[in-house]
Amino acid sequence: MGETTDPGRKSAGARRSPESADAILDAAEAVLVEAGYSGFSIEAVARRARAGKPTIYRWWPSKAALLLDVYQRQKRVDNPDTGNLEQDLVGFLKSLFAHWRDTSSGSVFRSLIAEAQSDEKAAAALAEYARGRRVHTGQMVERAKARGEVTADVDATVVADLIASFAWTHLLTDRLDEDEAILRRAVGYVLKGIVAGDAGDATAVRRRRRRIIARPTK
């Protein structure tokens, strides 16, 4: 199933003409194709769309906000609902990595993340986008809760952040060609944890400590 919108994503201009917004987004896509990320500007988009810069800035407060909407508009990533959380998350990562690898979206999003490190408006736009992504990915966890597959106290947003951290790290370090086994291992660590047996249980830890303290010395 193709995913094109984010439940948590809100554009800056709540009241805007859909036709005008589409024309601006069409122009932004064209400028991005022709000039690349480094040559992308609000001025160039305004000229191509025959729109005023104030109109664009009223609906998108920054270049990054507009680019994120272009990125989101082009995005085609699966949101699986297989009835099994591990399968859902692995399927999501496979689809996301393929999308980043096989289209220009990967380089655009990587550039947006880089710009956010030194530009406050880009950082704010990326943070808003990330909130929407957190909700979207968290839906897979919420469905698993409803099935009784995971406990009710699991924080879906934290799980979503862990999955996103894995994905963004691979994007930024150009490791999008990982095979499914690596993705499945990463998801397995998130879902099953890495602590052996009862090692994480506080009572068991105290019991082991008592055994160590009581152990006779030679």
N, C-alpha and C. Protein backbone atom coordinates (compact mmCIF):
# COMPACT_ATOMS: atom_id res chain seq x y z
N MET A 1 0.85 -1.18 0.00
CA MET A 1 0.00 0.00 0.00
C MET A 1 0.88 1.24 0.00
N GLY A 2 0.66 2.17 -0.89
CA GLY A 2 1.49 3.36 -0.97
C GLY A 2 1.07 4.37 0.08
N GLU A 3 2.06 5.00 0.69
CA GLU A 3 1.79 6.00 1.72
C GLU A 3 2.17 7.35 1.16
N THR A 4 1.25 8.30 1.19
CA THR A 4 1.52 9.60 0.60
C THR A 4 1.29 10.74 1.57
N THR A 5 0.60 10.49 2.67
CA THR A 5 0.33 11.57 3.61
C THR A 5 0.65 11.13 5.01
N ASP A 6 0.87 12.13 5.88
CA ASP A 6 1.19 11.86 7.27
C ASP A 6 0.07 12.35 8.15
N PRO A 7 -0.47 11.48 9.04
CA PRO A 7 -1.53 11.93 9.94
C PRO A 7 -1.10 13.09 10.82
N GLY A 8 0.19 13.10 11.21
CA GLY A 8 0.64 14.15 12.12
C GLY A 8 1.25 15.34 11.44
N ARG A 9 1.32 15.33 10.11
CA ARG A 9 1.96 16.41 9.38
C ARG A 9 0.98 17.52 9.09
N LYS A 10 1.33 18.77 9.46
CA LYS A 10 0.46 19.91 9.20
C LYS A 10 1.25 20.95 8.42
N SER A 11 0.71 21.43 7.33
CA SER A 11 1.36 22.47 6.58
C SER A 11 1.15 23.81 7.28
N ALA A 12 2.04 24.74 6.97
CA ALA A 12 2.02 26.01 7.69
C ALA A 12 0.73 26.78 7.44
N GLY A 13 0.24 26.77 6.22
CA GLY A 13 -0.96 27.54 5.90
C GLY A 13 -2.19 26.68 5.98
N ALA A 14 -3.01 26.87 7.02
CA ALA A 14 -4.18 26.01 7.21
C ALA A 14 -5.28 26.36 6.20
N ARG A 15 -5.33 27.64 5.78
CA ARG A 15 -6.37 28.06 4.84
C ARG A 15 -5.68 28.49 3.56
N ARG A 16 -5.73 27.64 2.54
CA ARG A 16 -5.08 27.98 1.29
C ARG A 16 -5.81 27.30 0.14
N SER A 17 -5.68 27.87 -1.01
CA SER A 17 -6.32 27.32 -2.19
C SER A 17 -5.61 26.04 -2.61
N PRO A 18 -6.33 24.92 -2.68
CA PRO A 18 -5.68 23.67 -3.11
C PRO A 18 -5.07 23.79 -4.50
N GLU A 19 -5.75 24.50 -5.41
CA GLU A 19 -5.23 24.65 -6.76
C GLU A 19 -3.91 25.43 -6.77
N SER A 20 -3.87 26.52 -6.02
CA SER A 20 -2.64 27.32 -5.95
C SER A 20 -1.52 26.55 -5.27
N ALA A 21 -1.88 25.83 -4.21
CA ALA A 21 -0.86 25.04 -3.51
C ALA A 21 -0.29 23.96 -4.42
N ASP A 22 -1.14 23.30 -5.17
CA ASP A 22 -0.67 22.27 -6.11
C ASP A 22 0.24 22.87 -7.17
N ALA A 23 -0.12 24.06 -7.67
CA ALA A 23 0.71 24.70 -8.68
C ALA A 23 2.09 25.03 -8.13
N ILE A 24 2.14 25.48 -6.89
CA ILE A 24 3.42 25.81 -6.27
C ILE A 24 4.24 24.53 -6.03
N LEU A 25 3.58 23.48 -5.58
CA LEU A 25 4.30 22.22 -5.37
C LEU A 25 4.79 21.64 -6.69
N ASP A 26 3.98 21.75 -7.74
CA ASP A 26 4.43 21.31 -9.07
C ASP A 26 5.67 22.08 -9.49
N ALA A 27 5.63 23.39 -9.29
CA ALA A 27 6.78 24.23 -9.65
C ALA A 27 8.01 23.86 -8.82
N ALA A 28 7.79 23.61 -7.54
CA ALA A 28 8.90 23.25 -6.66
C ALA A 28 9.55 21.93 -7.10
N GLU A 29 8.73 20.97 -7.47
CA GLU A 29 9.26 19.69 -7.97
C GLU A 29 10.10 19.92 -9.22
N ALA A 30 9.60 20.76 -10.13
CA ALA A 30 10.31 21.01 -11.38
C ALA A 30 11.65 21.72 -11.12
N VAL A 31 11.65 22.70 -10.23
CA VAL A 31 12.89 23.41 -9.89
C VAL A 31 13.89 22.44 -9.26
N LEU A 32 13.41 21.58 -8.40
CA LEU A 32 14.29 20.63 -7.74
C LEU A 32 14.94 19.69 -8.76
N VAL A 33 14.16 19.25 -9.75
CA VAL A 33 14.70 18.36 -10.79
C VAL A 33 15.74 19.10 -11.63
N GLU A 34 15.45 20.34 -11.97
CA GLU A 34 16.33 21.09 -12.86
C GLU A 34 17.59 21.61 -12.16
N ALA A 35 17.42 22.10 -10.94
CA ALA A 35 18.53 22.80 -10.28
C ALA A 35 19.15 22.02 -9.13
N GLY A 36 18.50 20.95 -8.71
CA GLY A 36 19.02 20.21 -7.57
C GLY A 36 18.78 20.94 -6.26
N TYR A 37 19.18 20.31 -5.16
CA TYR A 37 18.94 20.90 -3.85
C TYR A 37 19.67 22.23 -3.69
N SER A 38 20.94 22.27 -4.15
CA SER A 38 21.74 23.47 -3.94
C SER A 38 21.21 24.66 -4.75
N GLY A 39 20.55 24.39 -5.88
CA GLY A 39 20.04 25.46 -6.70
C GLY A 39 18.58 25.78 -6.45
N PHE A 40 17.98 25.12 -5.50
CA PHE A 40 16.56 25.32 -5.20
C PHE A 40 16.39 26.62 -4.41
N SER A 41 15.42 27.43 -4.82
CA SER A 41 15.14 28.67 -4.09
C SER A 41 13.66 29.01 -4.20
N ILE A 42 13.17 29.75 -3.23
CA ILE A 42 11.78 30.21 -3.25
C ILE A 42 11.56 31.14 -4.45
N GLU A 43 12.58 31.95 -4.78
CA GLU A 43 12.46 32.85 -5.92
C GLU A 43 12.20 32.08 -7.21
N ALA A 44 12.96 30.99 -7.41
CA ALA A 44 12.80 30.20 -8.63
C ALA A 44 11.44 29.54 -8.68
N VAL A 45 10.96 29.08 -7.52
CA VAL A 45 9.63 28.46 -7.46
C VAL A 45 8.56 29.50 -7.77
N ALA A 46 8.69 30.68 -7.22
CA ALA A 46 7.70 31.75 -7.45
C ALA A 46 7.63 32.10 -8.92
N ARG A 47 8.79 32.21 -9.58
CA ARG A 47 8.79 32.54 -11.00
C ARG A 47 8.08 31.46 -11.82
N ARG A 48 8.41 30.21 -11.54
CA ARG A 48 7.82 29.12 -12.32
C ARG A 48 6.32 28.99 -12.06
N ALA A 49 5.92 29.17 -10.81
CA ALA A 49 4.50 29.03 -10.45
C ALA A 49 3.70 30.29 -10.74
N ARG A 50 4.41 31.40 -11.10
CA ARG A 50 3.75 32.70 -11.28
C ARG A 50 2.97 33.07 -10.04
N ALA A 51 3.65 32.89 -8.93
CA ALA A 51 3.05 33.20 -7.63
C ALA A 51 3.94 34.20 -6.91
N GLY A 52 3.37 34.95 -6.00
CA GLY A 52 4.16 35.89 -5.22
C GLY A 52 4.91 35.19 -4.10
N LYS A 53 6.12 35.65 -3.83
CA LYS A 53 6.89 35.08 -2.72
C LYS A 53 6.14 35.19 -1.39
N PRO A 54 5.44 36.32 -1.12
CA PRO A 54 4.71 36.39 0.15
C PRO A 54 3.67 35.27 0.29
N THR A 55 3.04 34.90 -0.83
CA THR A 55 2.06 33.81 -0.78
C THR A 55 2.74 32.50 -0.39
N ILE A 56 3.88 32.23 -1.01
CA ILE A 56 4.60 30.99 -0.70
C ILE A 56 5.04 30.98 0.75
N TYR A 57 5.59 32.10 1.21
CA TYR A 57 6.07 32.15 2.59
C TYR A 57 4.93 32.12 3.60
N ARG A 58 3.74 32.55 3.18
CA ARG A 58 2.59 32.48 4.09
C ARG A 58 2.19 31.02 4.33
N TRP A 59 2.36 30.19 3.30
CA TRP A 59 1.98 28.78 3.42
C TRP A 59 3.14 27.89 3.83
N TRP A 60 4.35 28.29 3.44
CA TRP A 60 5.56 27.53 3.83
C TRP A 60 6.57 28.54 4.36
N PRO A 61 6.83 28.57 5.66
CA PRO A 61 7.66 29.63 6.24
C PRO A 61 9.14 29.54 5.89
N SER A 62 9.55 28.48 5.22
CA SER A 62 10.96 28.35 4.87
C SER A 62 11.11 27.44 3.65
N LYS A 63 12.27 27.52 3.04
CA LYS A 63 12.61 26.63 1.93
C LYS A 63 12.51 25.18 2.37
N ALA A 64 12.97 24.89 3.59
CA ALA A 64 12.96 23.51 4.09
C ALA A 64 11.52 23.00 4.24
N ALA A 65 10.63 23.85 4.72
CA ALA A 65 9.23 23.43 4.88
C ALA A 65 8.61 23.08 3.54
N LEU A 66 8.91 23.88 2.52
CA LEU A 66 8.39 23.60 1.17
C LEU A 66 8.99 22.31 0.63
N LEU A 67 10.30 22.13 0.80
CA LEU A 67 10.95 20.92 0.31
C LEU A 67 10.44 19.66 1.01
N LEU A 68 10.14 19.78 2.28
CA LEU A 68 9.61 18.62 3.00
C LEU A 68 8.23 18.24 2.47
N ASP A 69 7.43 19.23 2.08
CA ASP A 69 6.13 18.90 1.49
C ASP A 69 6.31 18.27 0.11
N VAL A 70 7.31 18.75 -0.65
CA VAL A 70 7.61 18.13 -1.95
C VAL A 70 8.07 16.69 -1.72
N TYR A 71 8.96 16.51 -0.76
CA TYR A 71 9.46 15.18 -0.43
C TYR A 71 8.32 14.25 -0.03
N GLN A 72 7.44 14.74 0.82
CA GLN A 72 6.32 13.94 1.29
C GLN A 72 5.35 13.62 0.15
N ARG A 73 5.17 14.57 -0.74
CA ARG A 73 4.28 14.38 -1.88
C ARG A 73 4.78 13.26 -2.79
N GLN A 74 6.08 13.15 -2.94
CA GLN A 74 6.68 12.15 -3.83
C GLN A 74 6.85 10.79 -3.17
N LYS A 75 6.67 10.75 -1.88
CA LYS A 75 7.02 9.54 -1.13
C LYS A 75 6.04 8.41 -1.37
N ARG A 76 6.59 7.26 -1.64
CA ARG A 76 5.79 6.05 -1.81
C ARG A 76 6.44 4.95 -0.97
N VAL A 77 5.99 4.84 0.27
CA VAL A 77 6.57 3.88 1.20
C VAL A 77 5.45 3.05 1.81
N ASP A 78 5.65 1.75 1.88
CA ASP A 78 4.63 0.86 2.41
C ASP A 78 4.40 1.07 3.90
N ASN A 79 3.17 0.93 4.31
CA ASN A 79 2.79 0.91 5.72
C ASN A 79 2.10 -0.44 5.96
N PRO A 80 2.88 -1.52 6.08
CA PRO A 80 2.30 -2.87 6.09
C PRO A 80 1.38 -3.11 7.27
N ASP A 81 0.42 -3.97 7.07
CA ASP A 81 -0.48 -4.42 8.14
C ASP A 81 -0.67 -5.92 7.96
N THR A 82 0.37 -6.67 8.34
CA THR A 82 0.39 -8.11 8.10
C THR A 82 -0.20 -8.91 9.25
N GLY A 83 -0.45 -8.23 10.38
CA GLY A 83 -0.90 -8.95 11.57
C GLY A 83 0.26 -9.39 12.45
N ASN A 84 1.49 -8.98 12.07
CA ASN A 84 2.68 -9.32 12.85
C ASN A 84 3.59 -8.09 12.85
N LEU A 85 3.93 -7.57 14.04
CA LEU A 85 4.66 -6.32 14.13
C LEU A 85 6.05 -6.42 13.51
N GLU A 86 6.73 -7.53 13.74
CA GLU A 86 8.08 -7.67 13.16
C GLU A 86 8.02 -7.59 11.64
N GLN A 87 7.06 -8.31 11.05
CA GLN A 87 6.92 -8.28 9.60
C GLN A 87 6.57 -6.87 9.12
N ASP A 88 5.71 -6.18 9.85
CA ASP A 88 5.32 -4.82 9.47
C ASP A 88 6.53 -3.89 9.45
N LEU A 89 7.34 -3.94 10.52
CA LEU A 89 8.47 -3.02 10.62
C LEU A 89 9.56 -3.35 9.61
N VAL A 90 9.81 -4.63 9.39
CA VAL A 90 10.81 -5.02 8.38
C VAL A 90 10.33 -4.59 6.99
N GLY A 91 9.06 -4.81 6.70
CA GLY A 91 8.51 -4.39 5.41
C GLY A 91 8.59 -2.89 5.21
N PHE A 92 8.32 -2.14 6.27
CA PHE A 92 8.42 -0.69 6.22
C PHE A 92 9.85 -0.25 5.91
N LEU A 93 10.82 -0.82 6.61
CA LEU A 93 12.22 -0.44 6.39
C LEU A 93 12.69 -0.82 4.98
N LYS A 94 12.31 -1.99 4.52
CA LYS A 94 12.68 -2.40 3.15
C LYS A 94 12.15 -1.41 2.13
N SER A 95 10.90 -1.02 2.28
CA SER A 95 10.28 -0.09 1.35
C SER A 95 10.93 1.29 1.43
N LEU A 96 11.20 1.75 2.65
CA LEU A 96 11.81 3.07 2.84
C LEU A 96 13.21 3.11 2.26
N PHE A 97 14.03 2.09 2.54
CA PHE A 97 15.40 2.05 2.01
C PHE A 97 15.38 2.03 0.48
N ALA A 98 14.48 1.26 -0.09
CA ALA A 98 14.38 1.19 -1.56
C ALA A 98 13.99 2.54 -2.13
N HIS A 99 13.05 3.23 -1.48
CA HIS A 99 12.61 4.53 -1.96
C HIS A 99 13.77 5.53 -1.92
N TRP A 100 14.48 5.57 -0.80
CA TRP A 100 15.63 6.48 -0.69
C TRP A 100 16.72 6.13 -1.70
N ARG A 101 16.93 4.85 -1.91
CA ARG A 101 18.02 4.39 -2.77
C ARG A 101 17.71 4.60 -4.26
N ASP A 102 16.47 4.39 -4.64
CA ASP A 102 16.12 4.33 -6.06
C ASP A 102 15.54 5.62 -6.62
N THR A 103 15.32 6.62 -5.77
CA THR A 103 14.80 7.90 -6.24
C THR A 103 15.70 9.01 -5.72
N SER A 104 15.40 10.24 -6.14
CA SER A 104 16.17 11.39 -5.66
C SER A 104 15.80 11.78 -4.24
N SER A 105 14.76 11.16 -3.68
CA SER A 105 14.29 11.54 -2.35
C SER A 105 15.35 11.35 -1.27
N GLY A 106 16.15 10.31 -1.42
CA GLY A 106 17.18 10.05 -0.41
C GLY A 106 18.16 11.20 -0.30
N SER A 107 18.65 11.70 -1.43
CA SER A 107 19.62 12.80 -1.38
C SER A 107 18.96 14.09 -0.90
N VAL A 108 17.70 14.31 -1.28
CA VAL A 108 16.99 15.50 -0.82
C VAL A 108 16.82 15.48 0.70
N PHE A 109 16.39 14.34 1.23
CA PHE A 109 16.16 14.26 2.67
C PHE A 109 17.48 14.34 3.44
N ARG A 110 18.53 13.74 2.90
CA ARG A 110 19.85 13.83 3.53
C ARG A 110 20.31 15.29 3.59
N SER A 111 20.08 16.04 2.52
CA SER A 111 20.46 17.45 2.50
C SER A 111 19.64 18.27 3.49
N LEU A 112 18.36 17.92 3.63
CA LEU A 112 17.51 18.62 4.60
C LEU A 112 18.00 18.39 6.03
N ILE A 113 18.39 17.16 6.32
CA ILE A 113 18.91 16.86 7.66
C ILE A 113 20.20 17.65 7.90
N ALA A 114 21.06 17.71 6.88
CA ALA A 114 22.31 18.45 7.02
C ALA A 114 22.04 19.94 7.25
N GLU A 115 21.12 20.51 6.49
CA GLU A 115 20.81 21.93 6.63
C GLU A 115 20.22 22.24 8.00
N ALA A 116 19.48 21.30 8.54
CA ALA A 116 18.85 21.51 9.85
C ALA A 116 19.87 21.66 10.97
N GLN A 117 21.10 21.23 10.73
CA GLN A 117 22.12 21.36 11.78
C GLN A 117 22.59 22.80 11.97
N SER A 118 22.37 23.65 10.96
CA SER A 118 22.87 25.03 11.06
C SER A 118 21.80 26.07 10.77
N ASP A 119 20.58 25.64 10.46
CA ASP A 119 19.51 26.58 10.13
C ASP A 119 18.31 26.30 11.02
N GLU A 120 17.91 27.31 11.80
CA GLU A 120 16.83 27.12 12.76
C GLU A 120 15.49 26.80 12.09
N LYS A 121 15.22 27.45 10.96
CA LYS A 121 13.95 27.20 10.28
C LYS A 121 13.92 25.79 9.71
N ALA A 122 15.05 25.34 9.18
CA ALA A 122 15.11 23.97 8.66
C ALA A 122 14.96 22.97 9.80
N ALA A 123 15.57 23.28 10.95
CA ALA A 123 15.47 22.39 12.10
C ALA A 123 14.03 22.30 12.59
N ALA A 124 13.33 23.44 12.60
CA ALA A 124 11.93 23.44 13.05
C ALA A 124 11.06 22.65 12.07
N ALA A 125 11.30 22.83 10.77
CA ALA A 125 10.51 22.09 9.77
C ALA A 125 10.76 20.59 9.88
N LEU A 126 12.02 20.22 10.09
CA LEU A 126 12.35 18.80 10.22
C LEU A 126 11.75 18.21 11.49
N ALA A 127 11.75 18.99 12.58
CA ALA A 127 11.17 18.49 13.83
C ALA A 127 9.67 18.26 13.67
N GLU A 128 8.99 19.16 12.96
CA GLU A 128 7.55 18.98 12.73
C GLU A 128 7.31 17.74 11.88
N TYR A 129 8.12 17.58 10.86
CA TYR A 129 7.99 16.40 10.00
C TYR A 129 8.22 15.12 10.82
N ALA A 130 9.25 15.14 11.67
CA ALA A 130 9.57 13.96 12.48
C ALA A 130 8.43 13.60 13.42
N ARG A 131 7.75 14.61 13.96
CA ARG A 131 6.60 14.33 14.82
C ARG A 131 5.52 13.57 14.05
N GLY A 132 5.27 14.00 12.83
CA GLY A 132 4.30 13.31 12.01
C GLY A 132 4.72 11.89 11.69
N ARG A 133 6.00 11.70 11.38
CA ARG A 133 6.51 10.36 11.09
C ARG A 133 6.39 9.46 12.32
N ARG A 134 6.63 10.04 13.49
CA ARG A 134 6.56 9.27 14.73
C ARG A 134 5.16 8.72 14.92
N VAL A 135 4.17 9.55 14.67
CA VAL A 135 2.77 9.11 14.77
C VAL A 135 2.49 8.02 13.74
N HIS A 136 2.96 8.25 12.52
CA HIS A 136 2.68 7.32 11.43
C HIS A 136 3.27 5.94 11.70
N THR A 137 4.56 5.89 12.04
CA THR A 137 5.21 4.61 12.33
C THR A 137 4.63 3.99 13.59
N GLY A 138 4.28 4.84 14.56
CA GLY A 138 3.71 4.33 15.79
C GLY A 138 2.38 3.62 15.60
N GLN A 139 1.70 3.90 14.49
CA GLN A 139 0.42 3.23 14.22
C GLN A 139 0.61 1.71 14.12
N MET A 140 1.76 1.29 13.60
CA MET A 140 2.02 -0.15 13.50
C MET A 140 2.11 -0.77 14.90
N VAL A 141 2.72 -0.02 15.81
CA VAL A 141 2.83 -0.50 17.19
C VAL A 141 1.47 -0.50 17.87
N GLU A 142 0.68 0.54 17.62
CA GLU A 142 -0.66 0.60 18.22
C GLU A 142 -1.53 -0.55 17.73
N ARG A 143 -1.40 -0.90 16.47
CA ARG A 143 -2.17 -2.05 15.97
C ARG A 143 -1.73 -3.33 16.67
N ALA A 144 -0.42 -3.44 16.92
CA ALA A 144 0.09 -4.63 17.63
C ALA A 144 -0.44 -4.66 19.06
N LYS A 145 -0.58 -3.50 19.69
CA LYS A 145 -1.17 -3.44 21.03
C LYS A 145 -2.60 -3.97 21.00
N ALA A 146 -3.36 -3.51 20.01
CA ALA A 146 -4.76 -3.92 19.90
C ALA A 146 -4.88 -5.42 19.69
N ARG A 147 -3.89 -6.02 19.05
CA ARG A 147 -3.89 -7.48 18.84
C ARG A 147 -3.41 -8.24 20.07
N GLY A 148 -2.88 -7.52 21.05
CA GLY A 148 -2.31 -8.17 22.22
C GLY A 148 -0.91 -8.71 21.97
N GLU A 149 -0.28 -8.25 20.88
CA GLU A 149 1.05 -8.74 20.51
C GLU A 149 2.14 -8.11 21.37
N VAL A 150 1.92 -6.87 21.80
CA VAL A 150 2.85 -6.20 22.70
C VAL A 150 2.06 -5.68 23.89
N THR A 151 2.74 -5.42 24.99
CA THR A 151 2.04 -4.99 26.20
C THR A 151 1.50 -3.57 26.05
N ALA A 152 0.44 -3.29 26.78
CA ALA A 152 -0.27 -2.03 26.64
C ALA A 152 0.56 -0.83 27.08
N ASP A 153 1.59 -1.06 27.92
CA ASP A 153 2.38 0.07 28.42
C ASP A 153 3.54 0.45 27.51
N VAL A 154 3.70 -0.23 26.40
CA VAL A 154 4.78 0.10 25.46
C VAL A 154 4.50 1.47 24.84
N ASP A 155 5.52 2.32 24.84
CA ASP A 155 5.40 3.66 24.26
C ASP A 155 5.68 3.56 22.76
N ALA A 156 4.63 3.70 21.96
CA ALA A 156 4.77 3.54 20.51
C ALA A 156 5.70 4.58 19.91
N THR A 157 5.73 5.79 20.48
CA THR A 157 6.58 6.84 19.91
C THR A 157 8.06 6.54 20.13
N VAL A 158 8.39 5.89 21.26
CA VAL A 158 9.79 5.52 21.50
C VAL A 158 10.23 4.45 20.51
N VAL A 159 9.36 3.46 20.28
CA VAL A 159 9.67 2.42 19.29
C VAL A 159 9.86 3.07 17.92
N ALA A 160 8.98 4.00 17.58
CA ALA A 160 9.09 4.70 16.29
C ALA A 160 10.40 5.45 16.18
N ASP A 161 10.83 6.09 17.29
CA ASP A 161 12.11 6.81 17.28
C ASP A 161 13.28 5.86 17.07
N LEU A 162 13.23 4.69 17.68
CA LEU A 162 14.31 3.72 17.51
C LEU A 162 14.41 3.25 16.06
N ILE A 163 13.27 2.98 15.46
CA ILE A 163 13.25 2.56 14.05
C ILE A 163 13.74 3.69 13.15
N ALA A 164 13.28 4.91 13.42
CA ALA A 164 13.70 6.06 12.62
C ALA A 164 15.20 6.32 12.77
N SER A 165 15.72 6.16 13.99
CA SER A 165 17.16 6.38 14.22
C SER A 165 17.99 5.41 13.38
N PHE A 166 17.57 4.17 13.35
CA PHE A 166 18.25 3.17 12.53
C PHE A 166 18.21 3.57 11.06
N ALA A 167 17.03 3.98 10.59
CA ALA A 167 16.87 4.34 9.17
C ALA A 167 17.68 5.59 8.83
N TRP A 168 17.58 6.63 9.64
CA TRP A 168 18.28 7.88 9.33
C TRP A 168 19.79 7.69 9.37
N THR A 169 20.28 6.88 10.30
CA THR A 169 21.72 6.61 10.36
C THR A 169 22.20 5.95 9.07
N HIS A 170 21.43 5.00 8.57
CA HIS A 170 21.81 4.33 7.32
C HIS A 170 21.72 5.28 6.13
N LEU A 171 20.75 6.19 6.14
CA LEU A 171 20.67 7.17 5.06
C LEU A 171 21.89 8.09 5.09
N LEU A 172 22.23 8.61 6.26
CA LEU A 172 23.32 9.58 6.37
C LEU A 172 24.68 8.96 6.10
N THR A 173 24.82 7.67 6.31
CA THR A 173 26.10 7.00 6.08
C THR A 173 26.10 6.17 4.80
N ASP A 174 25.07 6.39 3.96
CA ASP A 174 24.98 5.76 2.65
C ASP A 174 25.06 4.23 2.74
N ARG A 175 24.24 3.68 3.62
CA ARG A 175 24.17 2.21 3.76
C ARG A 175 22.73 1.76 3.53
N LEU A 176 22.22 2.07 2.36
CA LEU A 176 20.83 1.74 2.05
C LEU A 176 20.69 0.42 1.31
N ASP A 177 21.81 -0.29 1.13
CA ASP A 177 21.75 -1.56 0.40
C ASP A 177 21.81 -2.76 1.33
N GLU A 178 21.50 -2.53 2.62
CA GLU A 178 21.51 -3.64 3.57
C GLU A 178 20.49 -4.70 3.15
N ASP A 179 20.87 -5.97 3.35
CA ASP A 179 19.91 -7.02 2.98
C ASP A 179 18.88 -7.19 4.10
N GLU A 180 17.86 -7.97 3.79
CA GLU A 180 16.74 -8.10 4.72
C GLU A 180 17.17 -8.67 6.06
N ALA A 181 18.19 -9.52 6.06
CA ALA A 181 18.63 -10.14 7.31
C ALA A 181 19.08 -9.09 8.32
N ILE A 182 19.77 -8.05 7.85
CA ILE A 182 20.22 -6.98 8.74
C ILE A 182 19.03 -6.20 9.28
N LEU A 183 18.08 -5.89 8.42
CA LEU A 183 16.89 -5.16 8.86
C LEU A 183 16.11 -5.99 9.89
N ARG A 184 16.00 -7.29 9.63
CA ARG A 184 15.26 -8.15 10.54
C ARG A 184 15.98 -8.25 11.88
N ARG A 185 17.31 -8.27 11.85
CA ARG A 185 18.06 -8.34 13.10
C ARG A 185 17.85 -7.08 13.92
N ALA A 186 17.89 -5.92 13.25
CA ALA A 186 17.70 -4.65 13.96
C ALA A 186 16.30 -4.58 14.58
N VAL A 187 15.29 -4.95 13.82
CA VAL A 187 13.93 -4.95 14.34
C VAL A 187 13.81 -5.93 15.50
N GLY A 188 14.45 -7.08 15.37
CA GLY A 188 14.42 -8.08 16.44
C GLY A 188 15.01 -7.55 17.73
N TYR A 189 16.11 -6.80 17.63
CA TYR A 189 16.71 -6.21 18.83
C TYR A 189 15.75 -5.23 19.49
N VAL A 190 15.06 -4.43 18.68
CA VAL A 190 14.11 -3.46 19.22
C VAL A 190 12.95 -4.16 19.92
N LEU A 191 12.42 -5.21 19.28
CA LEU A 191 11.22 -5.86 19.81
C LEU A 191 11.51 -6.82 20.96
N LYS A 192 12.64 -7.52 20.87
CA LYS A 192 12.92 -8.56 21.86
C LYS A 192 13.94 -8.14 22.91
N GLY A 193 14.66 -7.07 22.66
CA GLY A 193 15.67 -6.63 23.60
C GLY A 193 16.94 -7.46 23.47
N ILE A 194 17.98 -7.06 24.20
CA ILE A 194 19.25 -7.75 24.10
C ILE A 194 19.74 -8.30 25.44
N VAL A 195 18.96 -8.09 26.50
CA VAL A 195 19.36 -8.59 27.82
C VAL A 195 19.02 -10.07 27.91
N ALA A 196 19.97 -10.86 28.37
CA ALA A 196 19.78 -12.31 28.43
C ALA A 196 18.90 -12.71 29.60
N GLY A 197 17.91 -13.56 29.32
CA GLY A 197 17.09 -14.17 30.37
C GLY A 197 16.52 -13.16 31.33
N ASP A 198 16.77 -13.40 32.63
CA ASP A 198 16.23 -12.51 33.66
C ASP A 198 17.26 -11.49 34.10
N ALA A 199 18.29 -11.25 33.25
CA ALA A 199 19.38 -10.37 33.65
C ALA A 199 18.92 -8.95 33.96
N GLY A 200 17.81 -8.53 33.32
CA GLY A 200 17.33 -7.19 33.55
C GLY A 200 16.37 -7.08 34.71
N ASP A 201 15.96 -8.19 35.32
CA ASP A 201 15.01 -8.16 36.42
C ASP A 201 15.71 -7.72 37.70
N ALA A 202 15.16 -6.70 38.36
CA ALA A 202 15.83 -6.13 39.53
C ALA A 202 16.02 -7.16 40.63
N THR A 203 15.02 -8.01 40.85
CA THR A 203 15.14 -9.04 41.89
C THR A 203 16.26 -10.01 41.56
N ALA A 204 16.33 -10.42 40.29
CA ALA A 204 17.37 -11.35 39.88
C ALA A 204 18.75 -10.72 40.03
N VAL A 205 18.87 -9.43 39.72
CA VAL A 205 20.16 -8.74 39.86
C VAL A 205 20.60 -8.74 41.31
N ARG A 206 19.66 -8.42 42.25
CA ARG A 206 20.01 -8.41 43.67
C ARG A 206 20.42 -9.80 44.14
N ARG A 207 19.73 -10.84 43.62
CA ARG A 207 20.04 -12.20 44.01
C ARG A 207 21.46 -12.58 43.57
N ARG A 208 21.83 -12.18 42.36
CA ARG A 208 23.17 -12.49 41.87
C ARG A 208 24.23 -11.77 42.69
N ARG A 209 23.92 -10.52 43.05
CA ARG A 209 24.89 -9.76 43.86
C ARG A 209 25.12 -10.42 45.21
N ARG A 210 24.01 -10.91 45.82
CA ARG A 210 24.16 -11.58 47.12
C ARG A 210 25.02 -12.83 47.00
N ARG A 211 24.82 -13.56 45.89
CA ARG A 211 25.63 -14.77 45.69
C ARG A 211 27.10 -14.44 45.55
N ILE A 212 27.38 -13.34 44.85
CA ILE A 212 28.78 -12.94 44.64
C ILE A 212 29.41 -12.52 45.96
N ILE A 213 28.64 -11.72 46.75
CA ILE A 213 29.16 -11.22 48.05
C ILE A 213 29.40 -12.40 49.00
N ALA A 214 28.48 -13.36 48.96
CA ALA A 214 28.57 -14.48 49.90
C ALA A 214 29.58 -15.53 49.47
N ARG A 215 30.12 -15.41 48.28
CA ARG A 215 31.01 -16.44 47.76
C ARG A 215 32.29 -16.46 48.61
N PRO A 216 32.69 -17.62 49.16
CA PRO A 216 33.88 -17.68 50.02
C PRO A 216 35.15 -17.37 49.23
N THR A 217 36.05 -16.70 49.89
CA THR A 217 37.35 -16.39 49.27
C THR A 217 38.36 -17.47 49.60
N LYS A 218 39.30 -17.66 48.73
CA LYS A 218 40.33 -18.69 48.94
C LYS A 218 41.57 -18.07 49.52
